Structure formats: C-alpha cells, structure tokens
C-alpha cells in the first residue's frame, strides 16, 4: 500500500472532530466534570501549514479556554515552541475583526496544552515540558538566569498507550478504544512484519469486539489511508511539506501574473 498523500487528517483527528467528544476528552485529561451543555467551538488550523507543521486539534470551551492537543508517536523537546506558534495563529484568527490597538483590553481565552503520546519508545505516564527550557543562557551577559521567564508555556505530555494512565482513558471511552486499536496494529505488525496486513487485521478485530465500530464503518473508504499515514508519519510529513512548498510557488506565480496583468491594463489605459 502507498500512503495516499491526499489525507492530511488521521484517525485521531477525525475521531475527535466532535464537540461532545472533545468535551469528554478534556474532562478526562483534567480529571474534572463539565456540564454537558458547555459550548465547545472547534478552531483547529485545518490543513494549514505553519512552519512546516500541522496543528492536530484546537477548540475553545465556553469562549474562556482554548485547548490545543497534539497527538505524537515521538516527542520533540521543541513542542512548546511549536504550540506557541499554533496559539499565535489561533489568536490571530480570533482577533481578526477586533482592534488590537484599542485602548480597551481585549478578552482572549486562557490556553491549555496537551500532547498525547502513543509511540514505541518507553515514556513516562506524565511529563511537563516548558518553553523556558529552550531559552539561551544569559548569565554570560551578566543577566541573572530566571527559573521561569515572563514568557513561558507549559505542555503536559500524557502517555496514552494501552495500559498507561488508566484513570484518564477510563473517563474517555473513545480514547480507550483508540488506544486499543493502536495496540492491536502494533501487535499484528510485530506478528506479521507487514503494516498493511496488521492494519487490516486490527480493523477486523475491532469490528468483531465493537471497538470504534461505528467510526470504522463511517470512514471505511478512508481509514486505511489515514492509519497508514499515522504509522508512517515522518514520511507523510515530508510529503506534506513538499505539497506546501509547491502550493506556495503556485501562489507566488499567480500573484506575479496578476501584477503583470494589472501593469498591462494600466499601460493600455494610458494610451
């Protein structure tokens, strides 16, 4: 099977592209309970390339909290910086029609950041990464080192592999079922040595035992491509970046063509 590069989405992002499921997921991650009528507004940077990276899930809760969730099979220490860039783009969207130069303070939702990890490499149940850990040391300039900078960002990494963080996955049935699907794919891949066969066997297993059954039936024609992308994410990212570069070139040529046409029209109007 060759990964269909048309699909930028993955099983994880499409599975949780639902306000009710996002509310349940957030409550599970935080260990809290929100009223079922608490409004959830999805504002994911869909198919938008930002510095060669894609945003997985972003949503606001009651207009007061903006939550960014990334799903990763490998953890980069630069994740806080990436999420800062995503947050900046999201705030730009939220304040597009507002006057940021106004004398009145704007009201923006408070941010929360999560990374859900389900890779092969051993990883703790919970880890916190801080943006301030990426800052240059300024002590050689005679400036004292601060434990936490005035501009900081905290990202909570949560291991969602099957058998990890039991209380969290217990509170979110779809997260538990997704973890079971991934575990089965890994099990069958180890057994067969073939990712295509492993994915097909895992889907059959999930159908049989009513794991994500409704979702797998709904996305039957796309789910194989999405799963293949998820399990070959590094290759997929390279393809997506190349597509983004090609798109950028096309947009530049289009702008140049429009500019050339305007100049021609201006010359003709002056004759």
Protein backbone atom coordinates (compact mmCIF):
# COMPACT_ATOMS: atom_id res chain seq x y z
CA UNK A 1 0.00 0.00 0.00
CA UNK A 2 1.24 3.52 -0.82
CA UNK A 3 0.18 6.29 1.51
CA UNK A 4 -2.44 8.48 -0.12
CA UNK A 5 -1.00 11.95 0.35
CA UNK A 6 -4.43 13.49 -0.12
CA UNK A 7 -5.17 12.77 3.53
CA UNK A 8 -3.69 15.28 5.94
CA UNK A 9 -6.11 14.05 8.60
CA UNK A 10 -5.53 10.99 10.75
CA UNK A 11 -7.79 8.60 12.61
CA UNK A 12 -7.09 10.52 15.81
CA UNK A 13 -8.00 13.96 14.41
CA UNK A 14 -11.16 12.78 12.64
CA UNK A 15 -12.24 10.66 15.60
CA UNK A 16 -12.23 13.67 17.92
CA UNK A 17 -13.62 16.17 15.42
CA UNK A 18 -16.79 16.38 17.51
CA UNK A 19 -17.66 18.90 20.28
CA UNK A 20 -19.14 16.31 22.65
CA UNK A 21 -16.13 14.02 22.33
CA UNK A 22 -13.73 16.95 22.82
CA UNK A 23 -15.57 17.94 26.00
CA UNK A 24 -15.30 14.38 27.26
CA UNK A 25 -11.62 14.18 26.28
CA UNK A 26 -10.73 17.43 28.05
CA UNK A 27 -12.59 16.40 31.20
CA UNK A 28 -10.68 13.09 31.18
CA UNK A 29 -7.32 14.82 30.76
CA UNK A 30 -8.01 17.30 33.56
CA UNK A 31 -9.93 14.94 35.83
CA UNK A 32 -12.90 17.29 36.01
CA UNK A 33 -16.56 17.33 35.01
CA UNK A 34 -18.15 20.00 32.82
CA UNK A 35 -21.91 20.44 32.29
CA UNK A 36 -22.99 18.63 29.07
CA UNK A 37 -24.27 21.92 27.64
CA UNK A 38 -20.88 23.67 27.99
CA UNK A 39 -20.29 25.06 24.47
CA UNK A 40 -17.33 23.71 22.52
CA UNK A 41 -16.10 25.53 19.42
CA UNK A 42 -13.54 23.79 17.18
CA UNK A 43 -10.91 26.15 15.74
CA UNK A 44 -8.24 23.72 14.57
CA UNK A 45 -5.87 25.13 11.95
CA UNK A 46 -7.26 22.69 9.41
CA UNK A 47 -4.87 21.73 6.65
CA UNK A 48 -2.97 24.91 7.41
CA UNK A 49 0.80 24.61 7.22
CA UNK A 50 2.66 26.60 9.83
CA UNK A 51 6.44 26.47 9.60
CA UNK A 52 6.16 23.02 8.01
CA UNK A 53 3.92 21.64 10.76
CA UNK A 54 0.25 20.76 11.11
CA UNK A 55 -1.97 21.51 14.09
CA UNK A 56 -3.93 18.44 15.27
CA UNK A 57 -6.77 19.69 17.48
CA UNK A 58 -7.73 23.09 18.88
CA UNK A 59 -11.01 24.13 20.47
CA UNK A 60 -12.46 26.66 22.89
CA UNK A 61 -14.56 25.83 25.93
CA UNK A 62 -17.27 28.34 26.73
CA UNK A 63 -15.22 31.01 24.98
CA UNK A 64 -12.99 31.16 28.08
CA UNK A 65 -10.43 28.41 27.48
CA UNK A 66 -8.57 27.44 24.31
CA UNK A 67 -7.20 23.91 24.32
CA UNK A 68 -4.53 22.67 21.91
CA UNK A 69 -3.95 18.93 21.70
CA UNK A 70 -1.26 17.25 19.64
CA UNK A 71 -1.07 13.50 19.02
CA UNK A 72 2.52 12.26 18.67
CA UNK A 73 4.38 8.99 18.25
CA UNK A 74 7.68 10.75 19.01
CA UNK A 75 8.24 13.59 21.44
CA UNK A 76 10.25 16.63 20.42
CA UNK A 77 11.68 18.94 23.10
CA UNK A 78 10.63 21.77 20.77
CA UNK A 79 6.94 21.02 21.26
CA UNK A 80 6.38 24.10 23.49
CA UNK A 81 7.74 26.34 20.71
CA UNK A 82 5.55 24.66 18.10
CA UNK A 83 2.47 25.07 20.26
CA UNK A 84 3.33 28.73 20.87
CA UNK A 85 3.30 29.24 17.08
CA UNK A 86 -0.05 27.45 16.78
CA UNK A 87 -1.51 29.53 19.61
CA UNK A 88 -0.34 32.75 17.95
CA UNK A 89 -2.09 31.77 14.71
CA UNK A 90 -5.27 30.87 16.59
CA UNK A 91 -5.30 34.16 18.50
CA UNK A 92 -4.84 35.96 15.18
CA UNK A 93 -7.95 34.23 13.85
CA UNK A 94 -9.91 35.07 17.00
CA UNK A 95 -8.98 38.77 16.94
CA UNK A 96 -9.15 39.28 13.17
CA UNK A 97 -12.16 41.60 13.34
CA UNK A 98 -11.07 43.30 16.56
CA UNK A 99 -8.92 46.36 17.15
CA UNK A 100 -5.81 45.16 18.96
CA UNK A 101 -4.67 48.80 19.18
CA UNK A 102 -7.79 49.80 21.07
CA UNK A 103 -7.47 51.49 24.47
CA UNK A 104 -9.82 48.84 25.83
CA UNK A 105 -8.26 45.45 26.73
CA UNK A 106 -9.34 42.53 24.56
CA UNK A 107 -10.61 39.39 26.20
CA UNK A 108 -8.92 36.19 24.98
CA UNK A 109 -9.37 32.61 26.19
CA UNK A 110 -6.76 31.15 28.53
CA UNK A 111 -4.63 28.47 26.78
CA UNK A 112 -4.02 24.85 27.84
CA UNK A 113 -1.63 22.50 26.02
CA UNK A 114 -1.54 18.71 25.82
CA UNK A 115 0.43 16.16 23.83
CA UNK A 116 -0.96 12.61 23.72
CA UNK A 117 1.84 10.13 23.16
CA UNK A 118 1.47 6.58 21.83
CA UNK A 119 4.86 5.76 20.34
CA UNK A 120 7.01 2.63 20.71
CA UNK A 121 9.81 4.15 22.78
CA UNK A 122 9.38 3.89 26.57
CA UNK A 123 7.98 7.10 28.02
CA UNK A 124 6.65 8.13 31.46
CA UNK A 125 2.93 8.46 32.10
CA UNK A 126 3.15 12.23 32.56
CA UNK A 127 5.85 14.76 31.67
CA UNK A 128 5.77 18.56 31.60
CA UNK A 129 7.78 20.50 29.00
CA UNK A 130 8.37 24.24 29.35
CA UNK A 131 9.15 26.84 26.72
CA UNK A 132 11.60 28.49 29.13
CA UNK A 133 13.86 25.43 28.93
CA UNK A 134 14.61 26.36 25.31
CA UNK A 135 15.84 29.88 26.10
CA UNK A 136 19.50 30.79 25.76
CA UNK A 137 21.53 31.17 28.94
CA UNK A 138 22.10 34.89 29.56
CA UNK A 139 24.38 34.63 32.60
CA UNK A 140 27.47 35.32 30.47
CA UNK A 141 25.86 38.70 29.67
CA UNK A 142 25.60 39.47 33.36
CA UNK A 143 21.84 38.88 33.30
CA UNK A 144 20.69 36.51 36.07
CA UNK A 145 19.00 33.31 34.96
CA UNK A 146 15.29 33.18 35.76
CA UNK A 147 13.68 29.89 36.69
CA UNK A 148 10.59 30.84 34.69
CA UNK A 149 10.64 33.57 32.08
CA UNK A 150 7.93 36.20 31.79
CA UNK A 151 7.03 34.42 28.55
CA UNK A 152 6.57 30.75 29.33
CA UNK A 153 4.37 27.93 28.17
CA UNK A 154 3.69 24.57 29.82
CA UNK A 155 2.89 21.45 27.82
CA UNK A 156 1.64 18.32 29.52
CA UNK A 157 2.71 15.10 27.79
CA UNK A 158 0.37 12.18 28.52
CA UNK A 159 1.18 8.59 27.56
CA UNK A 160 -2.00 7.03 26.11
CA UNK A 161 -0.55 3.64 25.17
CA UNK A 162 -2.75 0.75 26.27
CA UNK A 163 -2.31 0.10 29.97
CA UNK A 164 -0.99 3.61 30.73
CA UNK A 165 -2.86 6.40 32.54
CA UNK A 166 -5.76 4.08 33.26
CA UNK A 167 -7.86 6.73 35.04
CA UNK A 168 -7.70 9.07 32.06
CA UNK A 169 -8.63 6.52 29.39
CA UNK A 170 -11.33 5.12 31.68
CA UNK A 171 -13.04 8.52 31.65
CA UNK A 172 -12.96 8.78 27.83
CA UNK A 173 -14.28 5.72 26.01
CA UNK A 174 -13.13 6.84 22.55
CA UNK A 175 -9.59 7.45 23.79
CA UNK A 176 -9.60 3.98 25.35
CA UNK A 177 -10.85 2.40 22.12
CA UNK A 178 -8.34 4.33 20.02
CA UNK A 179 -5.52 3.10 22.26
CA UNK A 180 -6.82 -0.45 21.83
CA UNK A 181 -6.81 -0.07 18.03
CA UNK A 182 -3.22 1.21 18.01
CA UNK A 183 -2.14 -1.59 20.36
CA UNK A 184 -3.67 -4.19 18.05
CA UNK A 185 -1.96 -2.72 14.98
CA UNK A 186 1.39 -2.82 16.80
CA UNK A 187 0.73 -6.39 17.96
CA UNK A 188 -0.14 -7.63 14.47
CA UNK A 189 2.74 -5.70 12.90
CA UNK A 190 5.13 -7.44 15.31
CA UNK A 191 3.49 -10.76 14.46
CA UNK A 192 3.34 -10.42 10.66
CA UNK A 193 6.09 -7.89 9.88
CA UNK A 194 3.69 -6.21 7.46
CA UNK A 195 1.91 -2.92 8.27
CA UNK A 196 -0.80 -3.37 5.63
CA UNK A 197 -1.80 -6.77 6.98
CA UNK A 198 -1.53 -5.53 10.57
CA UNK A 199 -3.93 -2.64 9.94
CA UNK A 200 -6.47 -4.86 8.16
CA UNK A 201 -6.33 -7.48 10.92
CA UNK A 202 -6.68 -4.84 13.62
CA UNK A 203 -9.74 -3.32 11.91
CA UNK A 204 -11.37 -6.76 11.68
CA UNK A 205 -10.61 -7.36 15.36
CA UNK A 206 -12.16 -4.01 16.31
CA UNK A 207 -15.28 -4.76 14.27
CA UNK A 208 -15.64 -8.11 16.00
CA UNK A 209 -15.26 -6.70 19.51
CA UNK A 210 -17.19 -3.45 18.93
CA UNK A 211 -14.16 -1.18 19.23
CA UNK A 212 -14.65 2.09 17.30
CA UNK A 213 -17.06 0.05 15.17
CA UNK A 214 -19.33 2.96 14.18
CA UNK A 215 -16.34 5.18 13.33
CA UNK A 216 -14.58 2.48 11.29
CA UNK A 217 -17.78 1.86 9.31
CA UNK A 218 -18.33 5.58 8.68
CA UNK A 219 -14.79 6.13 7.39
CA UNK A 220 -14.41 2.72 5.78
CA UNK A 221 -13.03 4.05 2.48
CA UNK A 222 -10.51 6.41 4.10
CA UNK A 223 -9.49 4.72 7.33
CA UNK A 224 -6.78 2.51 5.78
CA UNK A 225 -5.06 5.55 4.26
CA UNK A 226 -5.34 7.53 7.47
CA UNK A 227 -3.94 4.71 9.60
CA UNK A 228 -1.13 4.11 7.16
CA UNK A 229 -0.29 7.81 7.35
CA UNK A 230 -0.32 7.74 11.15
CA UNK A 231 2.11 4.83 11.24
CA UNK A 232 4.37 6.44 8.63
CA UNK A 233 4.09 9.97 9.96
CA UNK A 234 7.69 11.03 9.25
CA UNK A 235 7.37 10.14 5.56
CA UNK A 236 3.94 11.75 5.44
CA UNK A 237 5.26 14.99 6.93
CA UNK A 238 7.92 15.21 4.22
CA UNK A 239 5.23 14.82 1.56
CA UNK A 240 3.00 17.42 3.20
CA UNK A 241 5.87 19.91 3.38
CA UNK A 242 6.67 19.36 -0.29
CA UNK A 243 3.00 19.91 -1.15
CA UNK A 244 3.04 23.14 0.87
CA UNK A 245 6.14 24.37 -0.98
CA UNK A 246 4.52 23.61 -4.32
CA UNK A 247 1.36 25.43 -3.26
CA UNK A 248 3.41 28.44 -2.13
CA UNK A 249 5.18 28.54 -5.51
CA UNK A 250 1.84 28.39 -7.31
CA UNK A 251 0.52 31.28 -5.23
CA UNK A 252 3.63 33.37 -5.96
CA UNK A 253 3.31 32.74 -9.71
CA UNK A 254 -0.38 33.63 -9.54
CA UNK A 255 0.38 36.90 -7.76
CA UNK A 256 3.09 37.73 -10.28
CA UNK A 257 0.71 37.01 -13.14
CA UNK A 258 -1.96 39.23 -11.58
CA UNK A 259 0.57 42.01 -11.07
CA UNK A 260 1.75 41.71 -14.68
CA UNK A 261 -1.83 41.86 -15.92
CA UNK A 262 -2.52 44.98 -13.85
CA UNK A 263 0.57 46.70 -15.30
CA UNK A 264 -0.51 45.82 -18.84
CA UNK A 265 -4.01 47.15 -18.18
CA UNK A 266 -2.57 50.35 -16.72
CA UNK A 267 -0.36 50.88 -19.80
CA UNK A 268 -3.32 50.36 -22.14
CA UNK A 269 -5.44 52.82 -20.18
CA UNK A 270 -2.70 55.45 -20.52
CA UNK A 271 -2.52 55.12 -24.32
